[in-house]
């Protein structure tokens, strides 16, 4: 939690799904700040605070698009640990 806000990192590459998820989080709790990245490599950079994400706030929760969990886009949950 940062300044009373909870940060959530969403890994989602579909703009429509991203919009719907943002709306759902805002309806659930307006104090949730949803940061979004489009792929696993960017998620790792965000969690490691690298490159464009050097000032990123550590998220309380990481939400992965289900396709990232299996198939050609799979990433290891061990690699997601920051």
Protein backbone atom coordinates (compact mmCIF):
# COMPACT_ATOMS: atom_id res chain seq x y z
CA UNK A 1 0.00 0.00 0.00
CA UNK A 2 1.33 3.41 -0.95
CA UNK A 3 -0.33 6.64 0.18
CA UNK A 4 -3.48 4.71 1.12
CA UNK A 5 -3.70 3.17 -2.33
CA UNK A 6 -3.24 -0.48 -3.22
CA UNK A 7 -1.25 -1.11 -6.38
CA UNK A 8 -2.11 -3.95 -8.72
CA UNK A 9 -0.04 -4.99 -11.73
CA UNK A 10 -2.06 -6.37 -14.64
CA UNK A 11 -0.31 -8.32 -17.42
CA UNK A 12 -2.73 -8.02 -20.35
CA UNK A 13 -2.17 -7.50 -24.07
CA UNK A 14 -5.79 -7.09 -25.18
CA UNK A 15 -6.96 -3.45 -25.01
CA UNK A 16 -10.61 -4.44 -24.52
CA UNK A 17 -9.79 -6.80 -21.65
CA UNK A 18 -7.55 -4.13 -20.14
CA UNK A 19 -10.34 -1.55 -20.24
CA UNK A 20 -12.87 -3.96 -18.69
CA UNK A 21 -10.45 -4.96 -15.95
CA UNK A 22 -9.66 -1.33 -15.13
CA UNK A 23 -13.38 -0.56 -14.89
CA UNK A 24 -13.96 -3.57 -12.64
CA UNK A 25 -11.17 -2.58 -10.26
CA UNK A 26 -12.39 1.02 -10.12
CA UNK A 27 -15.94 -0.16 -9.37
CA UNK A 28 -14.61 -2.49 -6.69
CA UNK A 29 -12.33 0.02 -4.97
CA UNK A 30 -11.45 3.48 -6.27
CA UNK A 31 -8.29 3.43 -4.12
CA UNK A 32 -6.80 0.65 -6.26
CA UNK A 33 -4.17 1.87 -8.70
CA UNK A 34 -3.95 -0.49 -11.64
CA UNK A 35 -0.64 -0.52 -13.50
CA UNK A 36 -0.70 -2.48 -16.75
CA UNK A 37 1.94 -4.04 -18.94
CA UNK A 38 1.45 -6.01 -22.12
CA UNK A 39 3.79 -8.98 -21.72
CA UNK A 40 5.86 -11.06 -19.35
CA UNK A 41 9.16 -9.34 -20.15
CA UNK A 42 7.67 -5.96 -19.32
CA UNK A 43 6.13 -7.41 -16.14
CA UNK A 44 9.55 -8.59 -15.01
CA UNK A 45 11.06 -5.17 -15.78
CA UNK A 46 8.24 -3.55 -13.78
CA UNK A 47 8.78 -5.84 -10.79
CA UNK A 48 12.55 -5.34 -10.93
CA UNK A 49 12.12 -1.57 -11.42
CA UNK A 50 14.19 -1.56 -14.59
CA UNK A 51 14.16 0.75 -17.60
CA UNK A 52 10.95 2.74 -17.94
CA UNK A 53 9.72 1.26 -14.64
CA UNK A 54 12.53 2.51 -12.40
CA UNK A 55 10.07 4.41 -10.18
CA UNK A 56 7.37 1.71 -10.15
CA UNK A 57 5.65 1.01 -6.86
CA UNK A 58 5.76 -2.63 -5.80
CA UNK A 59 2.29 -4.10 -6.43
CA UNK A 60 0.29 -5.82 -3.72
CA UNK A 61 -1.12 -8.14 -6.39
CA UNK A 62 -0.10 -9.29 -9.88
CA UNK A 63 -2.93 -10.37 -12.17
CA UNK A 64 -1.91 -12.43 -15.19
CA UNK A 65 -3.96 -12.92 -18.31
CA UNK A 66 -4.79 -16.67 -18.25
CA UNK A 67 -2.94 -17.28 -21.54
CA UNK A 68 0.31 -16.26 -19.83
CA UNK A 69 -0.01 -19.29 -17.57
CA UNK A 70 0.17 -21.88 -20.36
CA UNK A 71 0.92 -22.27 -24.02
CA UNK A 72 3.29 -20.28 -26.17
CA UNK A 73 3.26 -17.26 -23.86
CA UNK A 74 4.00 -19.10 -20.63
CA UNK A 75 6.35 -17.55 -18.13
CA UNK A 76 7.65 -19.13 -15.00
CA UNK A 77 6.03 -17.91 -11.78
CA UNK A 78 9.45 -18.37 -10.19
CA UNK A 79 10.82 -15.70 -12.55
CA UNK A 80 8.00 -13.34 -11.52
CA UNK A 81 9.26 -13.15 -7.94
CA UNK A 82 10.84 -9.78 -7.36
